Amino acid sequence: MQTNKETIHSSPPEEYVRRIQNGEIDLRDAVIESYYNYILSVVSKMIGRPAQSSDEFSIGLQAFQEAIDRFDETKNVSFLY
């Protein structure tokens, strides 16, 4: 199934995470691009001010990628909350 940025929010994020974990590696970039503003928002909340450097965003991006890799849907929790 082909997925682009415009359709990435049409299904729950857990579906895309599952697909990435099952080998759809190309989907990872589309999900990350689609959640760019979300990642930036979380980084800003964590540091207590608007994220201003690429280093700050890079750390948030790494955390988001790690969350994708480690997410366990058997725990019945939402990926984003």
C-alpha atoms as a PDB file:
ATOM      1  CA  MET A   1       0.000   0.000   0.000  1.00  0.00           C
ATOM      2  CA  GLN A   2       1.469   3.326  -1.078  1.00  0.00           C
ATOM      3  CA  THR A   3       1.289   6.071   1.537  1.00  0.00           C
ATOM      4  CA  ASN A   4       2.079   9.736   1.135  1.00  0.00           C
ATOM      5  CA  LYS A   5       2.133  12.716   3.480  1.00  0.00           C
ATOM      6  CA  GLU A   6      -1.434  13.704   2.653  1.00  0.00           C
ATOM      7  CA  THR A   7      -2.879  10.322   3.690  1.00  0.00           C
ATOM      8  CA  ILE A   8      -0.637   9.486   6.653  1.00  0.00           C
ATOM      9  CA  HIS A   9      -3.171  10.831   9.164  1.00  0.00           C
ATOM     10  CA  SER A  10      -6.065   8.831   7.695  1.00  0.00           C
ATOM     11  CA  SER A  11      -5.289   5.868   9.978  1.00  0.00           C
ATOM     12  CA  PRO A  12      -4.175   5.654  13.595  1.00  0.00           C
ATOM     13  CA  PRO A  13      -0.409   6.136  14.025  1.00  0.00           C
ATOM     14  CA  GLU A  14      -0.186   2.669  15.577  1.00  0.00           C
ATOM     15  CA  GLU A  15      -1.006   1.169  12.174  1.00  0.00           C
ATOM     16  CA  TYR A  16       1.937   2.927  10.545  1.00  0.00           C
ATOM     17  CA  VAL A  17       4.251   1.999  13.409  1.00  0.00           C
ATOM     18  CA  ARG A  18       3.253  -1.656  13.047  1.00  0.00           C
ATOM     19  CA  ARG A  19       3.912  -1.534   9.301  1.00  0.00           C
ATOM     20  CA  ILE A  20       7.336   0.058   9.840  1.00  0.00           C
ATOM     21  CA  GLN A  21       8.194  -2.559  12.445  1.00  0.00           C
ATOM     22  CA  ASN A  22       7.121  -5.245   9.967  1.00  0.00           C
ATOM     23  CA  GLY A  23       9.588  -4.050   7.351  1.00  0.00           C
ATOM     24  CA  GLU A  24       8.041  -1.130   5.446  1.00  0.00           C
ATOM     25  CA  ILE A  25      11.178   0.943   5.963  1.00  0.00           C
ATOM     26  CA  ASP A  26      10.256   3.570   3.344  1.00  0.00           C
ATOM     27  CA  LEU A  27       7.133   4.403   5.339  1.00  0.00           C
ATOM     28  CA  ARG A  28       9.297   5.673   8.230  1.00  0.00           C
ATOM     29  CA  ASP A  29      10.307   8.828   6.315  1.00  0.00           C
ATOM     30  CA  ALA A  30       6.700   9.633   5.416  1.00  0.00           C
ATOM     31  CA  VAL A  31       5.581   9.223   9.036  1.00  0.00           C
ATOM     32  CA  ILE A  32       8.423  11.366  10.349  1.00  0.00           C
ATOM     33  CA  GLU A  33       7.733  14.083   7.785  1.00  0.00           C
ATOM     34  CA  SER A  34       4.037  13.988   8.579  1.00  0.00           C
ATOM     35  CA  TYR A  35       4.667  14.314  12.327  1.00  0.00           C
ATOM     36  CA  TYR A  36       7.349  17.011  12.024  1.00  0.00           C
ATOM     37  CA  ASN A  37       5.221  19.629  13.821  1.00  0.00           C
ATOM     38  CA  TYR A  38       4.282  17.137  16.538  1.00  0.00           C
ATOM     39  CA  ILE A  39       7.963  16.288  17.158  1.00  0.00           C
ATOM     40  CA  LEU A  40       8.858  19.981  17.261  1.00  0.00           C
ATOM     41  CA  SER A  41       6.016  20.646  19.713  1.00  0.00           C
ATOM     42  CA  VAL A  42       7.106  17.859  22.058  1.00  0.00           C
ATOM     43  CA  VAL A  43      10.735  19.031  21.964  1.00  0.00           C
ATOM     44  CA  SER A  44       9.638  22.579  22.784  1.00  0.00           C
ATOM     45  CA  LYS A  45       7.518  21.370  25.710  1.00  0.00           C
ATOM     46  CA  MET A  46      10.370  19.255  27.061  1.00  0.00           C
ATOM     47  CA  ILE A  47      12.921  22.084  27.010  1.00  0.00           C
ATOM     48  CA  GLY A  48      10.443  24.694  28.216  1.00  0.00           C
ATOM     49  CA  ARG A  49      10.818  27.050  25.272  1.00  0.00           C
ATOM     50  CA  PRO A  50      10.549  26.972  21.486  1.00  0.00           C
ATOM     51  CA  ALA A  51      13.132  24.647  19.978  1.00  0.00           C
ATOM     52  CA  GLN A  52      15.639  26.847  18.179  1.00  0.00           C
ATOM     53  CA  SER A  53      18.498  24.652  17.060  1.00  0.00           C
ATOM     54  CA  SER A  54      18.826  21.719  14.734  1.00  0.00           C
ATOM     55  CA  ASP A  55      20.526  19.834  17.590  1.00  0.00           C
ATOM     56  CA  GLU A  56      17.408  20.109  19.730  1.00  0.00           C
ATOM     57  CA  PHE A  57      15.204  18.903  16.912  1.00  0.00           C
ATOM     58  CA  SER A  58      17.680  16.142  16.070  1.00  0.00           C
ATOM     59  CA  ILE A  59      17.409  14.749  19.588  1.00  0.00           C
ATOM     60  CA  GLY A  60      13.618  14.800  19.322  1.00  0.00           C
ATOM     61  CA  LEU A  61      13.802  13.071  15.960  1.00  0.00           C
ATOM     62  CA  GLN A  62      16.030  10.350  17.389  1.00  0.00           C
ATOM     63  CA  ALA A  63      13.593   9.863  20.275  1.00  0.00           C
ATOM     64  CA  PHE A  64      10.663   9.602  17.844  1.00  0.00           C
ATOM     65  CA  GLN A  65      12.511   6.987  15.785  1.00  0.00           C
ATOM     66  CA  GLU A  66      13.370   5.030  18.911  1.00  0.00           C
ATOM     67  CA  ALA A  67       9.718   5.196  19.962  1.00  0.00           C
ATOM     68  CA  ILE A  68       8.738   3.700  16.602  1.00  0.00           C
ATOM     69  CA  ASP A  69      11.252   0.885  17.059  1.00  0.00           C
ATOM     70  CA  ARG A  70      10.282   0.128  20.661  1.00  0.00           C
ATOM     71  CA  PHE A  71       6.518   0.601  20.514  1.00  0.00           C
ATOM     72  CA  ASP A  72       4.626  -2.452  21.787  1.00  0.00           C
ATOM     73  CA  GLU A  73       0.980  -2.378  20.799  1.00  0.00           C
ATOM     74  CA  THR A  74       0.223  -5.340  23.088  1.00  0.00           C
ATOM     75  CA  LYS A  75       0.412  -2.889  26.016  1.00  0.00           C
ATOM     76  CA  ASN A  76      -2.787  -1.183  24.780  1.00  0.00           C
ATOM     77  CA  VAL A  77      -1.401   2.345  24.871  1.00  0.00           C
ATOM     78  CA  SER A  78      -1.513   5.055  22.250  1.00  0.00           C
ATOM     79  CA  PHE A  79       1.662   5.715  20.291  1.00  0.00           C
ATOM     80  CA  LEU A  80       1.462   9.498  20.583  1.00  0.00           C
ATOM     81  CA  TYR A  81       0.045  10.042  24.074  1.00  0.00           C
END
